[in-house]
């Protein structure tokens, strides 16, 4: 694993900052974050897997997916893309939903801002995640977001190192 990894949480400010450097060009890392077939291979901590129902990677478009657990559990998420700068940045609002993408009233929403920067032949990914209220960030922290997201990023690194032909 790379030594260039940062995970900072500021509960009072309702923010999480993650930085990770990958030994792959920005085009491959971008594709791994934006192509649902590749995203499913690393998004979520094992033994959980992501399964996409639909993805429209455009501003205003939605990624509707669920996390499938080892005992048949399904936790749906609705991700609405709010900004896209092709190859360098995208932002999205994410919330738990039902299988039709309906987000319950008052559901906690995470506001993701993901940046991809070329550093030579490597890529630095910077994720800024913010929440509207303190209860939402506390819920994410208590659910194990740090460990789960870190595991997913480790899986992405393995994928980038092992499957250069599919990226």
N, C-alpha and C. Protein backbone atom coordinates (compact mmCIF):
# COMPACT_ATOMS: atom_id res chain seq x y z
N UNK A 1 0.85 -1.19 0.00
CA UNK A 1 0.00 0.00 0.00
C UNK A 1 0.88 1.24 0.00
N UNK A 2 0.42 2.25 -0.65
CA UNK A 2 1.15 3.50 -0.71
C UNK A 2 1.18 4.16 0.66
N UNK A 3 2.23 4.91 0.92
CA UNK A 3 2.32 5.65 2.18
C UNK A 3 1.57 6.96 2.10
N UNK A 4 1.16 7.36 0.92
CA UNK A 4 0.49 8.63 0.74
C UNK A 4 -1.01 8.44 0.96
N UNK A 5 -1.42 8.39 2.21
CA UNK A 5 -2.83 8.17 2.55
C UNK A 5 -3.19 9.05 3.72
N UNK A 6 -4.28 9.79 3.59
CA UNK A 6 -4.77 10.67 4.64
C UNK A 6 -6.25 10.39 4.85
N UNK A 7 -6.66 10.26 6.09
CA UNK A 7 -8.08 10.17 6.43
C UNK A 7 -8.28 11.06 7.64
N UNK A 8 -8.96 12.19 7.43
CA UNK A 8 -9.21 13.15 8.49
C UNK A 8 -10.70 13.36 8.64
N UNK A 9 -11.16 13.35 9.87
CA UNK A 9 -12.57 13.66 10.11
C UNK A 9 -12.67 14.78 11.13
N UNK A 10 -13.58 15.69 10.86
CA UNK A 10 -13.84 16.82 11.74
C UNK A 10 -15.34 16.83 12.00
N UNK A 11 -15.72 16.20 13.10
CA UNK A 11 -17.15 16.04 13.41
C UNK A 11 -17.83 17.41 13.54
N UNK A 12 -17.19 18.34 14.25
CA UNK A 12 -17.80 19.65 14.47
C UNK A 12 -18.03 20.40 13.16
N UNK A 13 -17.09 20.26 12.22
CA UNK A 13 -17.23 20.93 10.92
C UNK A 13 -18.07 20.10 9.94
N UNK A 14 -18.41 18.85 10.32
CA UNK A 14 -19.22 17.94 9.50
C UNK A 14 -18.51 17.59 8.19
N UNK A 15 -17.20 17.31 8.30
CA UNK A 15 -16.40 17.04 7.10
C UNK A 15 -15.47 15.87 7.30
N UNK A 16 -15.25 15.14 6.20
CA UNK A 16 -14.25 14.08 6.13
C UNK A 16 -13.39 14.37 4.90
N UNK A 17 -12.08 14.23 5.06
CA UNK A 17 -11.15 14.45 3.95
C UNK A 17 -10.32 13.18 3.79
N UNK A 18 -10.29 12.65 2.58
CA UNK A 18 -9.50 11.47 2.27
C UNK A 18 -8.60 11.81 1.09
N UNK A 19 -7.32 11.46 1.21
CA UNK A 19 -6.38 11.62 0.11
C UNK A 19 -5.67 10.29 -0.06
N UNK A 20 -5.53 9.90 -1.31
CA UNK A 20 -4.86 8.62 -1.59
C UNK A 20 -4.15 8.74 -2.93
N UNK A 21 -2.91 8.28 -2.98
CA UNK A 21 -2.16 8.27 -4.22
C UNK A 21 -2.12 6.85 -4.77
N UNK A 22 -2.36 6.73 -6.06
CA UNK A 22 -2.35 5.43 -6.72
C UNK A 22 -1.26 5.41 -7.78
N UNK A 23 -0.64 4.26 -7.94
CA UNK A 23 0.44 4.09 -8.90
C UNK A 23 -0.15 3.73 -10.26
N UNK A 24 -0.91 4.68 -10.80
CA UNK A 24 -1.58 4.49 -12.10
C UNK A 24 -1.87 5.88 -12.67
N UNK A 25 -1.92 5.99 -13.99
CA UNK A 25 -2.24 7.29 -14.59
C UNK A 25 -3.67 7.71 -14.29
N UNK A 26 -3.89 9.01 -14.32
CA UNK A 26 -5.18 9.57 -13.94
C UNK A 26 -6.33 9.00 -14.79
N UNK A 27 -6.06 8.71 -16.06
CA UNK A 27 -7.13 8.18 -16.92
C UNK A 27 -7.67 6.85 -16.39
N UNK A 28 -6.78 6.00 -15.91
CA UNK A 28 -7.21 4.69 -15.39
C UNK A 28 -7.94 4.84 -14.06
N UNK A 29 -7.46 5.71 -13.20
CA UNK A 29 -8.11 5.91 -11.90
C UNK A 29 -9.49 6.54 -12.11
N UNK A 30 -9.57 7.51 -13.00
CA UNK A 30 -10.85 8.15 -13.32
C UNK A 30 -11.86 7.10 -13.81
N UNK A 31 -11.41 6.26 -14.72
CA UNK A 31 -12.30 5.23 -15.27
C UNK A 31 -12.78 4.27 -14.17
N UNK A 32 -11.88 3.94 -13.24
CA UNK A 32 -12.25 3.03 -12.16
C UNK A 32 -13.32 3.63 -11.24
N UNK A 33 -13.39 4.95 -11.18
CA UNK A 33 -14.39 5.64 -10.36
C UNK A 33 -15.68 5.93 -11.12
N UNK A 34 -15.65 5.86 -12.45
CA UNK A 34 -16.80 6.34 -13.22
C UNK A 34 -17.43 5.29 -14.14
N UNK A 35 -16.82 4.14 -14.28
CA UNK A 35 -17.36 3.05 -15.08
C UNK A 35 -17.98 2.04 -14.11
N UNK A 36 -19.31 1.84 -14.16
CA UNK A 36 -19.95 0.99 -13.16
C UNK A 36 -19.43 -0.45 -13.14
N UNK A 37 -19.02 -0.98 -14.28
CA UNK A 37 -18.50 -2.35 -14.30
C UNK A 37 -17.20 -2.47 -13.50
N UNK A 38 -16.38 -1.42 -13.55
CA UNK A 38 -15.13 -1.43 -12.80
C UNK A 38 -15.38 -1.02 -11.35
N UNK A 39 -16.23 -0.03 -11.16
CA UNK A 39 -16.57 0.46 -9.82
C UNK A 39 -17.06 -0.68 -8.92
N UNK A 40 -17.86 -1.56 -9.48
CA UNK A 40 -18.39 -2.69 -8.71
C UNK A 40 -17.29 -3.62 -8.20
N UNK A 41 -16.15 -3.62 -8.86
CA UNK A 41 -15.06 -4.53 -8.48
C UNK A 41 -14.33 -4.08 -7.21
N UNK A 42 -14.50 -2.81 -6.81
CA UNK A 42 -13.74 -2.34 -5.65
C UNK A 42 -14.56 -1.54 -4.65
N UNK A 43 -15.70 -1.03 -5.04
CA UNK A 43 -16.47 -0.14 -4.16
C UNK A 43 -17.14 -0.97 -3.06
N UNK A 44 -16.74 -0.75 -1.86
CA UNK A 44 -17.32 -1.45 -0.72
C UNK A 44 -16.38 -2.49 -0.16
N UNK A 45 -16.44 -2.65 1.16
CA UNK A 45 -15.52 -3.57 1.83
C UNK A 45 -15.95 -5.03 1.68
N UNK A 46 -14.98 -5.91 1.40
CA UNK A 46 -15.28 -7.33 1.33
C UNK A 46 -15.77 -7.79 2.70
N UNK A 47 -16.73 -8.68 2.80
CA UNK A 47 -17.30 -9.49 1.73
C UNK A 47 -18.47 -8.82 1.00
N UNK A 48 -18.75 -7.56 1.31
CA UNK A 48 -19.82 -6.84 0.63
C UNK A 48 -19.40 -6.52 -0.80
N UNK A 49 -20.38 -6.47 -1.70
CA UNK A 49 -20.10 -6.07 -3.08
C UNK A 49 -21.16 -5.07 -3.55
N UNK A 50 -20.74 -4.17 -4.41
CA UNK A 50 -21.65 -3.19 -5.00
C UNK A 50 -22.27 -3.78 -6.25
N UNK A 51 -23.56 -3.55 -6.43
CA UNK A 51 -24.28 -4.00 -7.63
C UNK A 51 -25.06 -2.81 -8.18
N UNK A 52 -24.75 -2.43 -9.40
CA UNK A 52 -25.38 -1.28 -10.04
C UNK A 52 -26.70 -1.67 -10.68
N UNK A 53 -27.74 -0.91 -10.39
CA UNK A 53 -29.01 -1.06 -11.10
C UNK A 53 -29.00 -0.16 -12.34
N UNK A 54 -28.51 1.07 -12.17
CA UNK A 54 -28.40 2.00 -13.30
C UNK A 54 -27.36 3.07 -12.96
N UNK A 55 -26.74 3.60 -14.02
CA UNK A 55 -25.79 4.70 -13.84
C UNK A 55 -25.83 5.59 -15.05
N UNK A 56 -26.06 6.87 -14.80
CA UNK A 56 -26.05 7.91 -15.82
C UNK A 56 -25.03 8.94 -15.35
N UNK A 57 -23.78 8.77 -15.81
CA UNK A 57 -22.70 9.66 -15.36
C UNK A 57 -22.73 10.95 -16.16
N UNK A 58 -23.71 11.78 -15.84
CA UNK A 58 -23.86 13.12 -16.40
C UNK A 58 -24.31 14.02 -15.25
N UNK A 59 -24.13 15.33 -15.40
CA UNK A 59 -24.62 16.25 -14.38
C UNK A 59 -26.14 16.10 -14.31
N UNK A 60 -26.65 15.83 -13.12
CA UNK A 60 -28.07 15.57 -12.91
C UNK A 60 -28.42 14.10 -13.02
N UNK A 61 -27.49 13.29 -13.53
CA UNK A 61 -27.70 11.85 -13.65
C UNK A 61 -27.51 11.16 -12.30
N UNK A 62 -27.90 9.89 -12.26
CA UNK A 62 -27.91 9.15 -10.99
C UNK A 62 -27.23 7.80 -11.15
N UNK A 63 -26.50 7.42 -10.11
CA UNK A 63 -26.01 6.05 -9.94
C UNK A 63 -26.87 5.43 -8.85
N UNK A 64 -27.64 4.42 -9.20
CA UNK A 64 -28.47 3.70 -8.23
C UNK A 64 -27.86 2.31 -8.07
N UNK A 65 -27.45 2.01 -6.84
CA UNK A 65 -26.78 0.73 -6.60
C UNK A 65 -27.15 0.24 -5.20
N UNK A 66 -26.81 -1.01 -4.96
CA UNK A 66 -26.95 -1.51 -3.60
C UNK A 66 -25.68 -2.24 -3.19
N UNK A 67 -25.47 -2.27 -1.89
CA UNK A 67 -24.40 -3.05 -1.32
C UNK A 67 -25.03 -4.38 -0.91
N UNK A 68 -24.50 -5.46 -1.46
CA UNK A 68 -25.00 -6.80 -1.18
C UNK A 68 -24.13 -7.43 -0.10
N UNK A 69 -24.77 -7.86 0.97
CA UNK A 69 -24.06 -8.47 2.08
C UNK A 69 -23.93 -9.97 1.92
N UNK A 70 -23.09 -10.58 2.73
CA UNK A 70 -22.83 -12.01 2.61
C UNK A 70 -24.04 -12.88 2.97
N UNK A 71 -25.01 -12.31 3.66
CA UNK A 71 -26.20 -13.08 4.04
C UNK A 71 -27.44 -12.58 3.32
N UNK A 72 -27.23 -11.99 2.13
CA UNK A 72 -28.35 -11.56 1.31
C UNK A 72 -28.88 -10.16 1.61
N UNK A 73 -28.22 -9.42 2.48
CA UNK A 73 -28.66 -8.06 2.78
C UNK A 73 -28.48 -7.16 1.55
N UNK A 74 -29.36 -6.17 1.45
CA UNK A 74 -29.25 -5.18 0.39
C UNK A 74 -29.48 -3.80 0.99
N UNK A 75 -28.49 -2.93 0.82
CA UNK A 75 -28.62 -1.55 1.26
C UNK A 75 -28.44 -0.67 0.02
N UNK A 76 -29.52 0.00 -0.36
CA UNK A 76 -29.55 0.80 -1.58
C UNK A 76 -29.01 2.20 -1.34
N UNK A 77 -28.39 2.77 -2.39
CA UNK A 77 -27.90 4.14 -2.36
C UNK A 77 -28.24 4.84 -3.66
N UNK A 78 -28.55 6.11 -3.52
CA UNK A 78 -28.90 7.00 -4.63
C UNK A 78 -27.82 8.08 -4.67
N UNK A 79 -27.09 8.14 -5.78
CA UNK A 79 -26.00 9.11 -5.94
C UNK A 79 -26.34 10.00 -7.13
N UNK A 80 -26.55 11.28 -6.86
CA UNK A 80 -26.89 12.22 -7.94
C UNK A 80 -25.66 13.08 -8.24
N UNK A 81 -25.22 13.05 -9.50
CA UNK A 81 -24.03 13.80 -9.90
C UNK A 81 -24.38 15.27 -10.07
N UNK A 82 -23.63 16.13 -9.37
CA UNK A 82 -23.93 17.57 -9.36
C UNK A 82 -22.92 18.39 -10.16
N UNK A 83 -21.75 17.82 -10.43
CA UNK A 83 -20.73 18.51 -11.23
C UNK A 83 -19.78 17.47 -11.79
N UNK A 84 -19.35 17.68 -13.04
CA UNK A 84 -18.37 16.79 -13.66
C UNK A 84 -17.41 17.63 -14.49
N UNK A 85 -16.13 17.49 -14.20
CA UNK A 85 -15.06 18.08 -15.01
C UNK A 85 -14.27 16.88 -15.52
N UNK A 86 -14.56 16.47 -16.72
CA UNK A 86 -14.09 15.19 -17.26
C UNK A 86 -12.60 14.95 -17.00
N UNK A 87 -12.31 13.85 -16.33
CA UNK A 87 -10.94 13.44 -16.08
C UNK A 87 -10.29 14.06 -14.86
N UNK A 88 -10.96 15.05 -14.22
CA UNK A 88 -10.29 15.71 -13.10
C UNK A 88 -11.13 15.88 -11.84
N UNK A 89 -12.46 15.91 -11.96
CA UNK A 89 -13.29 16.17 -10.77
C UNK A 89 -14.73 15.78 -11.05
N UNK A 90 -15.37 15.23 -10.01
CA UNK A 90 -16.82 15.14 -10.03
C UNK A 90 -17.34 15.27 -8.62
N UNK A 91 -18.55 15.78 -8.53
CA UNK A 91 -19.22 15.96 -7.24
C UNK A 91 -20.57 15.26 -7.31
N UNK A 92 -21.03 14.81 -6.15
CA UNK A 92 -22.30 14.09 -6.11
C UNK A 92 -22.88 14.16 -4.70
N UNK A 93 -24.19 14.03 -4.64
CA UNK A 93 -24.91 13.92 -3.38
C UNK A 93 -25.37 12.49 -3.24
N UNK A 94 -25.08 11.88 -2.08
CA UNK A 94 -25.35 10.46 -1.86
C UNK A 94 -26.23 10.29 -0.63
N UNK A 95 -27.23 9.41 -0.76
CA UNK A 95 -28.11 9.11 0.37
C UNK A 95 -28.61 7.68 0.23
N UNK A 96 -28.95 7.08 1.36
CA UNK A 96 -29.59 5.77 1.31
C UNK A 96 -30.97 5.94 0.68
N UNK A 97 -31.42 4.90 -0.04
CA UNK A 97 -32.70 4.99 -0.74
C UNK A 97 -33.35 3.61 -0.76
N UNK A 98 -34.46 3.52 -1.49
CA UNK A 98 -35.04 2.21 -1.76
C UNK A 98 -34.59 1.77 -3.15
N UNK A 99 -35.05 0.61 -3.59
CA UNK A 99 -34.60 0.06 -4.87
C UNK A 99 -35.04 0.87 -6.08
N UNK A 100 -35.96 1.82 -5.87
CA UNK A 100 -36.40 2.69 -6.96
C UNK A 100 -35.67 4.04 -6.95
N UNK A 101 -34.77 4.20 -5.98
CA UNK A 101 -34.03 5.45 -5.88
C UNK A 101 -34.73 6.51 -5.06
N UNK A 102 -35.81 6.15 -4.39
CA UNK A 102 -36.54 7.11 -3.57
C UNK A 102 -35.80 7.27 -2.24
N UNK A 103 -35.41 8.50 -1.98
CA UNK A 103 -34.71 8.82 -0.73
C UNK A 103 -35.77 9.24 0.29
N UNK A 104 -35.78 8.62 1.46
CA UNK A 104 -36.78 8.98 2.47
C UNK A 104 -36.64 10.44 2.90
N UNK A 105 -37.75 11.10 3.22
CA UNK A 105 -37.68 12.49 3.70
C UNK A 105 -36.78 12.58 4.93
N UNK A 106 -35.91 13.58 4.93
CA UNK A 106 -35.03 13.80 6.07
C UNK A 106 -33.82 12.88 6.12
N UNK A 107 -33.61 12.07 5.08
CA UNK A 107 -32.46 11.16 5.06
C UNK A 107 -31.16 11.95 5.03
N UNK A 108 -30.15 11.43 5.69
CA UNK A 108 -28.83 12.07 5.71
C UNK A 108 -28.22 12.02 4.31
N UNK A 109 -27.69 13.14 3.88
CA UNK A 109 -27.05 13.23 2.57
C UNK A 109 -25.58 13.57 2.74
N UNK A 110 -24.75 12.83 2.03
CA UNK A 110 -23.32 13.14 1.98
C UNK A 110 -23.02 13.86 0.68
N UNK A 111 -22.29 14.94 0.77
CA UNK A 111 -21.91 15.74 -0.40
C UNK A 111 -20.45 15.43 -0.72
N UNK A 112 -20.24 14.70 -1.81
CA UNK A 112 -18.90 14.26 -2.22
C UNK A 112 -18.33 15.22 -3.25
N UNK A 113 -17.06 15.55 -3.08
CA UNK A 113 -16.31 16.31 -4.09
C UNK A 113 -15.00 15.56 -4.30
N UNK A 114 -14.87 14.91 -5.45
CA UNK A 114 -13.75 14.02 -5.75
C UNK A 114 -12.86 14.65 -6.82
N UNK A 115 -11.58 14.81 -6.48
CA UNK A 115 -10.63 15.41 -7.42
C UNK A 115 -9.55 14.39 -7.76
N UNK A 116 -9.09 14.42 -9.01
CA UNK A 116 -8.08 13.50 -9.53
C UNK A 116 -6.96 14.32 -10.13
N UNK A 117 -5.75 14.18 -9.58
CA UNK A 117 -4.63 15.00 -10.02
C UNK A 117 -3.46 14.10 -10.42
N UNK A 118 -2.95 14.32 -11.61
CA UNK A 118 -1.77 13.57 -12.07
C UNK A 118 -0.55 14.08 -11.32
N UNK A 119 0.22 13.11 -10.80
CA UNK A 119 1.49 13.41 -10.13
C UNK A 119 2.52 12.51 -10.81
N UNK A 120 3.09 13.03 -11.89
CA UNK A 120 3.94 12.18 -12.73
C UNK A 120 3.06 11.12 -13.37
N UNK A 121 3.44 9.84 -13.21
CA UNK A 121 2.62 8.76 -13.77
C UNK A 121 1.70 8.16 -12.69
N UNK A 122 1.55 8.86 -11.59
CA UNK A 122 0.65 8.44 -10.51
C UNK A 122 -0.54 9.37 -10.46
N UNK A 123 -1.52 9.02 -9.63
CA UNK A 123 -2.71 9.84 -9.48
C UNK A 123 -3.01 10.05 -8.00
N UNK A 124 -3.22 11.30 -7.65
CA UNK A 124 -3.65 11.62 -6.30
C UNK A 124 -5.15 11.88 -6.35
N UNK A 125 -5.90 11.15 -5.52
CA UNK A 125 -7.35 11.34 -5.41
C UNK A 125 -7.61 12.04 -4.08
N UNK A 126 -8.38 13.13 -4.15
CA UNK A 126 -8.75 13.88 -2.95
C UNK A 126 -10.27 13.87 -2.85
N UNK A 127 -10.78 13.34 -1.76
CA UNK A 127 -12.22 13.25 -1.54
C UNK A 127 -12.57 14.15 -0.36
N UNK A 128 -13.44 15.10 -0.61
CA UNK A 128 -13.99 15.93 0.46
C UNK A 128 -15.45 15.56 0.59
N UNK A 129 -15.81 15.08 1.76
CA UNK A 129 -17.17 14.63 2.03
C UNK A 129 -17.71 15.50 3.15
N UNK A 130 -18.86 16.14 2.90
CA UNK A 130 -19.46 16.99 3.92
C UNK A 130 -20.91 16.59 4.13
N UNK A 131 -21.42 16.96 5.28
CA UNK A 131 -22.78 16.59 5.68
C UNK A 131 -23.52 17.84 6.15
N UNK A 132 -24.84 17.78 6.08
CA UNK A 132 -25.65 18.92 6.47
C UNK A 132 -25.76 19.08 7.97
N UNK A 133 -25.65 17.99 8.70
CA UNK A 133 -25.75 18.09 10.15
C UNK A 133 -24.81 17.10 10.83
N UNK A 134 -24.55 17.36 12.09
CA UNK A 134 -23.60 16.55 12.85
C UNK A 134 -24.08 15.11 13.02
N UNK A 135 -25.39 14.92 13.13
CA UNK A 135 -25.93 13.57 13.31
C UNK A 135 -25.58 12.69 12.11
N UNK A 136 -25.59 13.26 10.91
CA UNK A 136 -25.29 12.48 9.70
C UNK A 136 -23.85 12.00 9.68
N UNK A 137 -22.90 12.87 10.01
CA UNK A 137 -21.50 12.44 10.00
C UNK A 137 -21.25 11.45 11.13
N UNK A 138 -21.88 11.66 12.27
CA UNK A 138 -21.71 10.71 13.38
C UNK A 138 -22.23 9.34 12.98
N UNK A 139 -23.35 9.28 12.26
CA UNK A 139 -23.91 8.01 11.81
C UNK A 139 -22.91 7.31 10.88
N UNK A 140 -22.33 8.05 9.94
CA UNK A 140 -21.37 7.45 9.00
C UNK A 140 -20.14 6.92 9.74
N UNK A 141 -19.65 7.68 10.70
CA UNK A 141 -18.48 7.26 11.47
C UNK A 141 -18.82 5.99 12.26
N UNK A 142 -19.98 5.97 12.91
CA UNK A 142 -20.39 4.82 13.71
C UNK A 142 -20.63 3.58 12.85
N UNK A 143 -21.05 3.78 11.61
CA UNK A 143 -21.28 2.65 10.70
C UNK A 143 -19.96 2.06 10.18
N UNK A 144 -18.85 2.68 10.50
CA UNK A 144 -17.56 2.15 10.08
C UNK A 144 -17.07 2.67 8.74
N UNK A 145 -17.48 3.88 8.38
CA UNK A 145 -17.11 4.43 7.08
C UNK A 145 -15.59 4.44 6.87
N UNK A 146 -14.83 4.84 7.87
CA UNK A 146 -13.38 4.93 7.70
C UNK A 146 -12.78 3.58 7.31
N UNK A 147 -13.10 2.55 8.06
CA UNK A 147 -12.56 1.23 7.76
C UNK A 147 -13.06 0.69 6.43
N UNK A 148 -14.36 0.88 6.16
CA UNK A 148 -14.94 0.38 4.91
C UNK A 148 -14.40 1.08 3.69
N UNK A 149 -14.30 2.41 3.74
CA UNK A 149 -13.81 3.17 2.60
C UNK A 149 -12.32 2.89 2.37
N UNK A 150 -11.57 2.78 3.47
CA UNK A 150 -10.16 2.44 3.36
C UNK A 150 -9.98 1.09 2.69
N UNK A 151 -10.80 0.11 3.09
CA UNK A 151 -10.72 -1.21 2.47
C UNK A 151 -11.05 -1.13 0.98
N UNK A 152 -12.08 -0.36 0.63
CA UNK A 152 -12.42 -0.18 -0.78
C UNK A 152 -11.28 0.43 -1.57
N UNK A 153 -10.63 1.45 -1.01
CA UNK A 153 -9.50 2.07 -1.70
C UNK A 153 -8.33 1.10 -1.83
N UNK A 154 -8.12 0.25 -0.82
CA UNK A 154 -7.09 -0.78 -0.94
C UNK A 154 -7.43 -1.75 -2.07
N UNK A 155 -8.70 -2.09 -2.20
CA UNK A 155 -9.14 -2.98 -3.28
C UNK A 155 -8.94 -2.31 -4.64
N UNK A 156 -9.18 -1.00 -4.70
CA UNK A 156 -8.93 -0.27 -5.94
C UNK A 156 -7.45 -0.32 -6.29
N UNK A 157 -6.60 -0.12 -5.30
CA UNK A 157 -5.16 -0.19 -5.57
C UNK A 157 -4.77 -1.56 -6.11
N UNK A 158 -5.30 -2.63 -5.51
CA UNK A 158 -5.02 -3.98 -6.00
C UNK A 158 -5.50 -4.15 -7.43
N UNK A 159 -6.69 -3.64 -7.71
CA UNK A 159 -7.26 -3.73 -9.06
C UNK A 159 -6.38 -3.00 -10.07
N UNK A 160 -5.97 -1.80 -9.72
CA UNK A 160 -5.12 -1.01 -10.62
C UNK A 160 -3.78 -1.70 -10.87
N UNK A 161 -3.26 -2.36 -9.86
CA UNK A 161 -1.97 -3.05 -10.00
C UNK A 161 -2.08 -4.38 -10.72
N UNK A 162 -3.26 -5.00 -10.69
CA UNK A 162 -3.41 -6.35 -11.21
C UNK A 162 -4.08 -6.45 -12.58
N UNK A 163 -4.95 -5.52 -12.86
CA UNK A 163 -5.81 -5.66 -14.04
C UNK A 163 -5.63 -4.51 -15.02
N UNK A 164 -4.41 -4.21 -15.34
CA UNK A 164 -4.17 -3.10 -16.25
C UNK A 164 -4.84 -3.27 -17.61
N UNK A 165 -5.09 -4.52 -18.01
CA UNK A 165 -5.69 -4.74 -19.31
C UNK A 165 -7.16 -4.33 -19.36
N UNK A 166 -7.89 -4.33 -18.23
CA UNK A 166 -9.30 -3.96 -18.27
C UNK A 166 -9.49 -2.47 -18.06
N UNK A 167 -8.44 -1.81 -17.63
CA UNK A 167 -8.55 -0.37 -17.40
C UNK A 167 -7.94 0.33 -18.56
